[in-house]
């Protein structure tokens, strides 16, 4: 069974959810959007084996350094030099590295995964692959979405069409 370790901010940028130079409030909403997308995109059994690492010495107010979000493990690198060091620690501690997929575009993290014979995949490529897989599973004849849009999706569409300025 696959285990996933995800470089959170790297995936945010690879997915285009947030650009560089954003303020902390926007960054918090982008993190929430990413976690929401993962919860929507990953089957329950995959969520139970997924860790999302964010580079932050100060987690958002009211959040511990590590917590469970509906099956996903979310870990802020408070007690580490940076997220890469924490990602490398997770890679080194994994007892079945050939079943491990590391999602990061950071070459340092990819090399650490390769040394353990884990699968390393660029964040943008993984994001596209997950979205293509979801698209292939949907009925092309069905014009309605399977579920109503969440707040983040509505906000993204309003921003895209220039209604939320």
C-alpha atoms as a PDB file:
ATOM      1  CA  UNK A   1       0.000   0.000   0.000  1.00  0.00           C
ATOM      2  CA  UNK A   2       1.341   3.397  -1.006  1.00  0.00           C
ATOM      3  CA  UNK A   3       2.311   6.057   1.493  1.00  0.00           C
ATOM      4  CA  UNK A   4       2.533   9.712   0.450  1.00  0.00           C
ATOM      5  CA  UNK A   5       4.743  12.443   1.856  1.00  0.00           C
ATOM      6  CA  UNK A   6       3.867  15.812   0.359  1.00  0.00           C
ATOM      7  CA  UNK A   7       5.871  19.036   0.388  1.00  0.00           C
ATOM      8  CA  UNK A   8       2.889  21.296   1.106  1.00  0.00           C
ATOM      9  CA  UNK A   9       4.109  24.681  -0.104  1.00  0.00           C
ATOM     10  CA  UNK A  10       5.827  23.096  -3.064  1.00  0.00           C
ATOM     11  CA  UNK A  11       2.520  21.526  -4.120  1.00  0.00           C
ATOM     12  CA  UNK A  12       0.725  24.856  -3.567  1.00  0.00           C
ATOM     13  CA  UNK A  13       3.033  26.532  -6.078  1.00  0.00           C
ATOM     14  CA  UNK A  14       3.063  23.549  -8.455  1.00  0.00           C
ATOM     15  CA  UNK A  15      -0.734  23.462  -8.472  1.00  0.00           C
ATOM     16  CA  UNK A  16      -0.960  27.208  -8.955  1.00  0.00           C
ATOM     17  CA  UNK A  17      -3.093  27.628  -5.850  1.00  0.00           C
ATOM     18  CA  UNK A  18      -0.941  30.508  -4.585  1.00  0.00           C
ATOM     19  CA  UNK A  19       1.791  32.673  -6.081  1.00  0.00           C
ATOM     20  CA  UNK A  20       4.921  33.999  -4.463  1.00  0.00           C
ATOM     21  CA  UNK A  21       4.862  37.058  -2.245  1.00  0.00           C
ATOM     22  CA  UNK A  22       1.439  36.437  -0.728  1.00  0.00           C
ATOM     23  CA  UNK A  23       0.602  37.647   2.750  1.00  0.00           C
ATOM     24  CA  UNK A  24      -0.001  35.357   5.706  1.00  0.00           C
ATOM     25  CA  UNK A  25      -3.819  35.508   5.478  1.00  0.00           C
ATOM     26  CA  UNK A  26      -3.769  34.447   1.855  1.00  0.00           C
ATOM     27  CA  UNK A  27      -1.237  31.762   2.667  1.00  0.00           C
ATOM     28  CA  UNK A  28      -3.515  30.327   5.367  1.00  0.00           C
ATOM     29  CA  UNK A  29      -6.450  30.192   2.934  1.00  0.00           C
ATOM     30  CA  UNK A  30      -4.182  28.606   0.313  1.00  0.00           C
ATOM     31  CA  UNK A  31      -3.131  25.916   2.807  1.00  0.00           C
ATOM     32  CA  UNK A  32      -6.797  25.256   3.556  1.00  0.00           C
ATOM     33  CA  UNK A  33      -7.560  25.092  -0.178  1.00  0.00           C
ATOM     34  CA  UNK A  34      -4.766  22.571  -0.692  1.00  0.00           C
ATOM     35  CA  UNK A  35      -5.921  20.402   2.205  1.00  0.00           C
ATOM     36  CA  UNK A  36      -9.492  20.594   0.915  1.00  0.00           C
ATOM     37  CA  UNK A  37      -8.355  19.520  -2.555  1.00  0.00           C
ATOM     38  CA  UNK A  38      -6.398  16.596  -1.082  1.00  0.00           C
ATOM     39  CA  UNK A  39      -9.387  15.507   1.007  1.00  0.00           C
ATOM     40  CA  UNK A  40     -11.578  15.636  -2.087  1.00  0.00           C
ATOM     41  CA  UNK A  41      -9.025  13.975  -4.376  1.00  0.00           C
ATOM     42  CA  UNK A  42      -7.555  11.172  -2.299  1.00  0.00           C
ATOM     43  CA  UNK A  43      -9.505   8.060  -1.344  1.00  0.00           C
ATOM     44  CA  UNK A  44      -9.955   7.573   2.405  1.00  0.00           C
ATOM     45  CA  UNK A  45      -7.405   4.748   2.577  1.00  0.00           C
ATOM     46  CA  UNK A  46      -4.766   6.982   0.897  1.00  0.00           C
ATOM     47  CA  UNK A  47      -5.523   9.879   3.268  1.00  0.00           C
ATOM     48  CA  UNK A  48      -4.698   7.628   6.214  1.00  0.00           C
ATOM     49  CA  UNK A  49      -1.189   7.192   4.782  1.00  0.00           C
ATOM     50  CA  UNK A  50      -0.523  10.778   3.697  1.00  0.00           C
ATOM     51  CA  UNK A  51       1.610  13.374   5.464  1.00  0.00           C
ATOM     52  CA  UNK A  52       1.590  17.002   4.294  1.00  0.00           C
ATOM     53  CA  UNK A  53       4.592  18.994   5.512  1.00  0.00           C
ATOM     54  CA  UNK A  54       4.566  22.790   5.649  1.00  0.00           C
ATOM     55  CA  UNK A  55       7.627  24.947   6.255  1.00  0.00           C
ATOM     56  CA  UNK A  56       6.605  27.057   9.235  1.00  0.00           C
ATOM     57  CA  UNK A  57       8.207  27.651  12.592  1.00  0.00           C
ATOM     58  CA  UNK A  58       4.896  29.071  13.849  1.00  0.00           C
ATOM     59  CA  UNK A  59       1.807  27.055  12.924  1.00  0.00           C
ATOM     60  CA  UNK A  60      -1.420  28.993  12.436  1.00  0.00           C
ATOM     61  CA  UNK A  61      -2.979  30.213  15.693  1.00  0.00           C
ATOM     62  CA  UNK A  62      -4.808  27.446  17.491  1.00  0.00           C
ATOM     63  CA  UNK A  63      -2.977  24.650  15.637  1.00  0.00           C
ATOM     64  CA  UNK A  64      -0.272  22.384  17.043  1.00  0.00           C
ATOM     65  CA  UNK A  65       2.815  21.543  14.986  1.00  0.00           C
ATOM     66  CA  UNK A  66       1.237  18.250  13.930  1.00  0.00           C
ATOM     67  CA  UNK A  67      -2.453  17.397  13.658  1.00  0.00           C
ATOM     68  CA  UNK A  68      -4.933  15.160  11.891  1.00  0.00           C
ATOM     69  CA  UNK A  69      -7.203  16.702   9.255  1.00  0.00           C
ATOM     70  CA  UNK A  70      -9.848  14.096   8.371  1.00  0.00           C
ATOM     71  CA  UNK A  71      -7.227  11.378   8.005  1.00  0.00           C
ATOM     72  CA  UNK A  72      -4.417  13.523   6.581  1.00  0.00           C
ATOM     73  CA  UNK A  73      -1.456  14.166   8.856  1.00  0.00           C
ATOM     74  CA  UNK A  74      -0.480  17.842   8.657  1.00  0.00           C
ATOM     75  CA  UNK A  75       2.950  18.707  10.059  1.00  0.00           C
ATOM     76  CA  UNK A  76       4.532  22.161  10.396  1.00  0.00           C
ATOM     77  CA  UNK A  77       8.339  22.071  10.595  1.00  0.00           C
ATOM     78  CA  UNK A  78       8.493  23.971  13.906  1.00  0.00           C
ATOM     79  CA  UNK A  79      11.294  21.895  15.437  1.00  0.00           C
ATOM     80  CA  UNK A  80      13.332  21.471  12.251  1.00  0.00           C
ATOM     81  CA  UNK A  81      15.654  23.665  10.230  1.00  0.00           C
ATOM     82  CA  UNK A  82      13.050  23.753   7.452  1.00  0.00           C
ATOM     83  CA  UNK A  83      10.451  21.575   5.716  1.00  0.00           C
ATOM     84  CA  UNK A  84      13.102  19.798   3.630  1.00  0.00           C
ATOM     85  CA  UNK A  85      14.805  18.531   6.800  1.00  0.00           C
ATOM     86  CA  UNK A  86      11.469  17.251   8.126  1.00  0.00           C
ATOM     87  CA  UNK A  87      10.644  15.621   4.772  1.00  0.00           C
ATOM     88  CA  UNK A  88      14.040  13.903   4.793  1.00  0.00           C
ATOM     89  CA  UNK A  89      13.349  12.671   8.329  1.00  0.00           C
ATOM     90  CA  UNK A  90      10.032  11.139   7.220  1.00  0.00           C
ATOM     91  CA  UNK A  91      11.745   9.515   4.222  1.00  0.00           C
ATOM     92  CA  UNK A  92      14.535   8.071   6.390  1.00  0.00           C
ATOM     93  CA  UNK A  93      12.071   6.747   8.997  1.00  0.00           C
ATOM     94  CA  UNK A  94       9.808   4.989   6.495  1.00  0.00           C
ATOM     95  CA  UNK A  95      10.026   1.207   6.886  1.00  0.00           C
ATOM     96  CA  UNK A  96       8.795   0.419   3.347  1.00  0.00           C
ATOM     97  CA  UNK A  97      10.450   3.028   1.093  1.00  0.00           C
ATOM     98  CA  UNK A  98       9.550   1.223  -2.130  1.00  0.00           C
ATOM     99  CA  UNK A  99       5.891   1.851  -1.241  1.00  0.00           C
ATOM    100  CA  UNK A 100       6.616   5.523  -0.541  1.00  0.00           C
ATOM    101  CA  UNK A 101       5.784   8.350  -2.959  1.00  0.00           C
ATOM    102  CA  UNK A 102       7.368  11.714  -2.187  1.00  0.00           C
ATOM    103  CA  UNK A 103       5.645  14.682  -3.825  1.00  0.00           C
ATOM    104  CA  UNK A 104       8.101  17.566  -4.135  1.00  0.00           C
ATOM    105  CA  UNK A 105       9.876  19.486  -6.869  1.00  0.00           C
ATOM    106  CA  UNK A 106      12.793  20.147  -4.538  1.00  0.00           C
ATOM    107  CA  UNK A 107      15.858  18.284  -5.810  1.00  0.00           C
ATOM    108  CA  UNK A 108      17.264  17.803  -2.310  1.00  0.00           C
ATOM    109  CA  UNK A 109      14.076  15.986  -1.244  1.00  0.00           C
ATOM    110  CA  UNK A 110      13.934  14.000  -4.496  1.00  0.00           C
ATOM    111  CA  UNK A 111      17.530  12.818  -3.971  1.00  0.00           C
ATOM    112  CA  UNK A 112      16.706  11.716  -0.423  1.00  0.00           C
ATOM    113  CA  UNK A 113      13.749   9.716  -1.785  1.00  0.00           C
ATOM    114  CA  UNK A 114      15.870   8.168  -4.549  1.00  0.00           C
ATOM    115  CA  UNK A 115      18.566   7.108  -2.074  1.00  0.00           C
ATOM    116  CA  UNK A 116      15.897   5.089  -0.237  1.00  0.00           C
ATOM    117  CA  UNK A 117      14.444   3.807  -3.544  1.00  0.00           C
ATOM    118  CA  UNK A 118      11.186   5.648  -2.932  1.00  0.00           C
ATOM    119  CA  UNK A 119       9.284   7.224  -5.804  1.00  0.00           C
ATOM    120  CA  UNK A 120       9.877  10.958  -6.172  1.00  0.00           C
ATOM    121  CA  UNK A 121       7.539  13.016  -8.343  1.00  0.00           C
ATOM    122  CA  UNK A 122       7.436  16.721  -9.143  1.00  0.00           C
ATOM    123  CA  UNK A 123       4.556  18.482  -7.423  1.00  0.00           C
ATOM    124  CA  UNK A 124       3.074  19.900 -10.629  1.00  0.00           C
ATOM    125  CA  UNK A 125       3.211  16.518 -12.392  1.00  0.00           C
ATOM    126  CA  UNK A 126       1.533  14.776  -9.435  1.00  0.00           C
ATOM    127  CA  UNK A 127      -1.179  17.447  -9.274  1.00  0.00           C
ATOM    128  CA  UNK A 128      -1.909  17.016 -13.005  1.00  0.00           C
ATOM    129  CA  UNK A 129      -1.906  13.215 -12.710  1.00  0.00           C
ATOM    130  CA  UNK A 130      -4.392  13.265  -9.817  1.00  0.00           C
ATOM    131  CA  UNK A 131      -6.694  15.658 -11.695  1.00  0.00           C
ATOM    132  CA  UNK A 132      -6.483  13.593 -14.909  1.00  0.00           C
ATOM    133  CA  UNK A 133      -7.237  10.417 -12.966  1.00  0.00           C
ATOM    134  CA  UNK A 134     -10.285  12.064 -11.403  1.00  0.00           C
ATOM    135  CA  UNK A 135     -11.446  13.310 -14.801  1.00  0.00           C
ATOM    136  CA  UNK A 136     -11.151   9.820 -16.284  1.00  0.00           C
ATOM    137  CA  UNK A 137     -13.343   8.403 -13.527  1.00  0.00           C
ATOM    138  CA  UNK A 138     -16.201  10.852 -14.075  1.00  0.00           C
ATOM    139  CA  UNK A 139     -19.038  10.143 -16.461  1.00  0.00           C
ATOM    140  CA  UNK A 140     -18.487  12.399 -19.501  1.00  0.00           C
ATOM    141  CA  UNK A 141     -22.263  12.437 -20.157  1.00  0.00           C
ATOM    142  CA  UNK A 142     -23.061  13.945 -16.760  1.00  0.00           C
ATOM    143  CA  UNK A 143     -23.289  17.748 -17.045  1.00  0.00           C
ATOM    144  CA  UNK A 144     -23.709  18.319 -13.285  1.00  0.00           C
ATOM    145  CA  UNK A 145     -20.865  18.284 -10.779  1.00  0.00           C
ATOM    146  CA  UNK A 146     -20.971  15.451  -8.266  1.00  0.00           C
ATOM    147  CA  UNK A 147     -21.062  17.851  -5.306  1.00  0.00           C
ATOM    148  CA  UNK A 148     -21.630  21.563  -4.765  1.00  0.00           C
ATOM    149  CA  UNK A 149     -18.582  23.799  -4.919  1.00  0.00           C
ATOM    150  CA  UNK A 150     -16.887  24.518  -1.603  1.00  0.00           C
ATOM    151  CA  UNK A 151     -16.069  28.058  -0.431  1.00  0.00           C
ATOM    152  CA  UNK A 152     -12.539  27.964  -1.804  1.00  0.00           C
ATOM    153  CA  UNK A 153     -13.710  26.789  -5.242  1.00  0.00           C
ATOM    154  CA  UNK A 154     -16.382  29.518  -5.371  1.00  0.00           C
ATOM    155  CA  UNK A 155     -13.774  32.098  -4.388  1.00  0.00           C
ATOM    156  CA  UNK A 156     -11.385  30.835  -7.103  1.00  0.00           C
ATOM    157  CA  UNK A 157     -14.096  31.010  -9.789  1.00  0.00           C
ATOM    158  CA  UNK A 158     -15.142  34.499  -8.701  1.00  0.00           C
ATOM    159  CA  UNK A 159     -11.517  35.598  -8.829  1.00  0.00           C
ATOM    160  CA  UNK A 160     -11.084  33.967 -12.262  1.00  0.00           C
ATOM    161  CA  UNK A 161     -14.128  35.815 -13.643  1.00  0.00           C
ATOM    162  CA  UNK A 162     -13.156  39.092 -11.931  1.00  0.00           C
ATOM    163  CA  UNK A 163     -16.101  39.194  -9.535  1.00  0.00           C
ATOM    164  CA  UNK A 164     -14.152  39.040  -6.263  1.00  0.00           C
ATOM    165  CA  UNK A 165     -11.888  42.060  -6.326  1.00  0.00           C
END
